[in-house]
Amino acid sequence: MTIISDKYKTVKPEEVTVWFKAAPVTAFPKDGGACVKYKDLQIAVFNFERLNTWYACQNLSPEKQEMVLSRGMIGDHKGIPMVACPLHKKTFSLENGENLNSDLDPIAVYPIKIEDDFVYVGFSE
């Protein structure tokens, strides 16, 4: 059996070699998320308008192996921006992918930049 999550690797801003033009900023709900596809990856992109910040992470729930994180609720956990999986309510940091309330492995996170009203997600190839 292939483990899907092995495809997802956190990318630090200094590691970005490709900026993928995901969509116009208007394609993403305020204080919510949407999924974009880059090659064979599904990436959850969040417009955290309350914080005037954007985040991106893998869309794959590490516990259920379902592509659902873009539909998760965003908020904060002790001041850390986070997403809660809609299936099992496990929470993950949108800054570094750390699981905030159990022993699950971290999720992959990706840099975001906004230019000319478009959202770009950074990848390392």
Protein backbone atom coordinates (compact mmCIF):
# COMPACT_ATOMS: atom_id res chain seq x y z
CA MET A 1 0.00 0.00 0.00
CA THR A 2 1.34 3.44 -0.94
CA ILE A 3 1.38 5.99 1.85
CA ILE A 4 0.00 9.16 0.32
CA SER A 5 1.40 11.48 2.97
CA ASP A 6 5.01 10.71 1.94
CA LYS A 7 4.48 13.03 -1.05
CA TYR A 8 3.98 16.03 1.23
CA LYS A 9 7.09 17.76 2.56
CA THR A 10 7.20 21.05 4.43
CA VAL A 11 8.86 23.80 2.41
CA LYS A 12 10.60 26.66 4.20
CA PRO A 13 10.60 30.09 2.49
CA GLU A 14 14.33 29.89 1.81
CA GLU A 15 13.85 26.51 0.04
CA VAL A 16 11.32 27.74 -2.54
CA THR A 17 12.39 27.10 -6.12
CA VAL A 18 8.95 27.40 -7.77
CA TRP A 19 6.09 29.78 -7.00
CA PHE A 20 2.85 28.20 -8.23
CA LYS A 21 0.18 30.73 -9.23
CA ALA A 22 -2.80 29.13 -7.47
CA ALA A 23 -5.74 31.51 -8.02
CA PRO A 24 -6.95 35.08 -7.54
CA VAL A 25 -7.37 36.11 -3.89
CA THR A 26 -11.12 36.41 -4.53
CA ALA A 27 -11.30 32.63 -5.10
CA PHE A 28 -10.69 31.97 -1.40
CA PRO A 29 -13.28 32.54 1.34
CA LYS A 30 -12.46 35.07 4.03
CA ASP A 31 -11.44 33.29 7.24
CA GLY A 32 -11.70 29.94 5.48
CA GLY A 33 -9.96 27.60 3.10
CA ALA A 34 -10.07 26.11 -0.37
CA CYS A 35 -8.13 23.37 -2.12
CA VAL A 36 -5.78 23.86 -5.05
CA LYS A 37 -3.95 21.20 -7.01
CA TYR A 38 -0.27 21.36 -7.87
CA LYS A 39 0.93 18.40 -9.94
CA ASP A 40 -0.23 15.38 -7.89
CA LEU A 41 -0.56 17.32 -4.61
CA GLN A 42 -3.72 18.76 -3.08
CA ILE A 43 -2.92 21.88 -1.07
CA ALA A 44 -5.25 23.60 1.39
CA VAL A 45 -4.95 27.39 1.19
CA PHE A 46 -6.36 29.55 3.98
CA ASN A 47 -7.21 33.24 3.93
CA PHE A 48 -6.89 34.03 7.64
CA GLU A 49 -8.33 37.52 7.21
CA ARG A 50 -8.62 38.19 10.95
CA LEU A 51 -4.83 38.01 11.12
CA ASN A 52 -4.27 39.47 7.64
CA THR A 53 -2.22 36.35 6.83
CA TRP A 54 -2.39 33.47 4.37
CA TYR A 55 -1.35 29.86 5.04
CA ALA A 56 -1.00 26.67 3.01
CA CYS A 57 -0.71 23.05 4.09
CA GLN A 58 -1.34 19.58 2.74
CA ASN A 59 -5.03 18.87 2.23
CA LEU A 60 -4.58 15.27 3.41
CA SER A 61 -5.77 14.41 6.92
CA PRO A 62 -2.94 12.32 8.41
CA GLU A 63 -5.27 10.26 10.58
CA LYS A 64 -8.08 9.46 8.14
CA GLN A 65 -6.05 9.73 4.89
CA GLU A 66 -8.85 11.83 3.37
CA MET A 67 -8.43 15.10 1.43
CA VAL A 68 -10.38 17.36 3.81
CA LEU A 69 -8.18 19.87 5.65
CA SER A 70 -9.22 22.74 3.34
CA ARG A 71 -12.72 22.33 4.80
CA GLY A 72 -11.45 22.50 8.37
CA MET A 73 -12.19 25.28 10.82
CA ILE A 74 -9.39 27.78 11.35
CA GLY A 75 -8.68 29.60 14.58
CA ASP A 76 -5.93 29.71 17.15
CA HIS A 77 -4.64 27.42 19.86
CA LYS A 78 -2.85 29.38 22.59
CA GLY A 79 -2.02 32.08 20.05
CA ILE A 80 -0.91 29.66 17.32
CA PRO A 81 -2.88 29.85 14.02
CA MET A 82 -4.34 26.40 13.43
CA VAL A 83 -6.71 24.29 11.37
CA ALA A 84 -8.99 21.62 12.87
CA CYS A 85 -9.65 18.57 10.71
CA PRO A 86 -13.39 18.35 9.95
CA LEU A 87 -13.34 14.55 10.40
CA HIS A 88 -11.68 14.05 13.78
CA LYS A 89 -11.11 17.61 15.11
CA LYS A 90 -7.35 17.11 15.51
CA THR A 91 -5.65 20.50 15.26
CA PHE A 92 -2.49 21.43 13.39
CA SER A 93 -0.35 24.56 13.45
CA LEU A 94 -0.56 26.49 10.19
CA GLU A 95 2.90 27.92 10.94
CA ASN A 96 4.91 24.71 11.25
CA GLY A 97 2.44 21.80 10.80
CA GLU A 98 2.80 20.51 14.38
CA ASN A 99 -0.09 18.46 15.75
CA LEU A 100 -1.38 20.51 18.67
CA ASN A 101 -3.55 18.03 20.57
CA SER A 102 -2.37 14.46 20.03
CA ASP A 103 0.53 12.36 18.90
CA LEU A 104 -0.05 12.49 15.15
CA ASP A 105 2.83 13.38 12.86
CA PRO A 106 2.98 16.99 11.69
CA ILE A 107 1.43 18.03 8.39
CA ALA A 108 3.39 19.71 5.59
CA VAL A 109 3.15 23.49 5.33
CA TYR A 110 4.06 25.74 2.41
CA PRO A 111 4.99 29.42 2.02
CA ILE A 112 2.43 31.78 0.51
CA LYS A 113 2.86 35.10 -1.21
CA ILE A 114 0.32 37.51 -2.64
CA GLU A 115 1.24 39.48 -5.76
CA ASP A 116 -1.07 41.48 -8.02
CA ASP A 117 -4.13 40.00 -6.26
CA PHE A 118 -3.03 36.40 -6.95
CA VAL A 119 -2.11 33.73 -4.42
CA TYR A 120 1.17 31.88 -4.98
CA VAL A 121 2.25 28.72 -3.13
CA GLY A 122 5.96 27.95 -2.79
CA PHE A 123 7.42 24.53 -3.61
CA SER A 124 10.90 23.05 -3.66
CA GLU A 125 11.73 20.87 -6.66
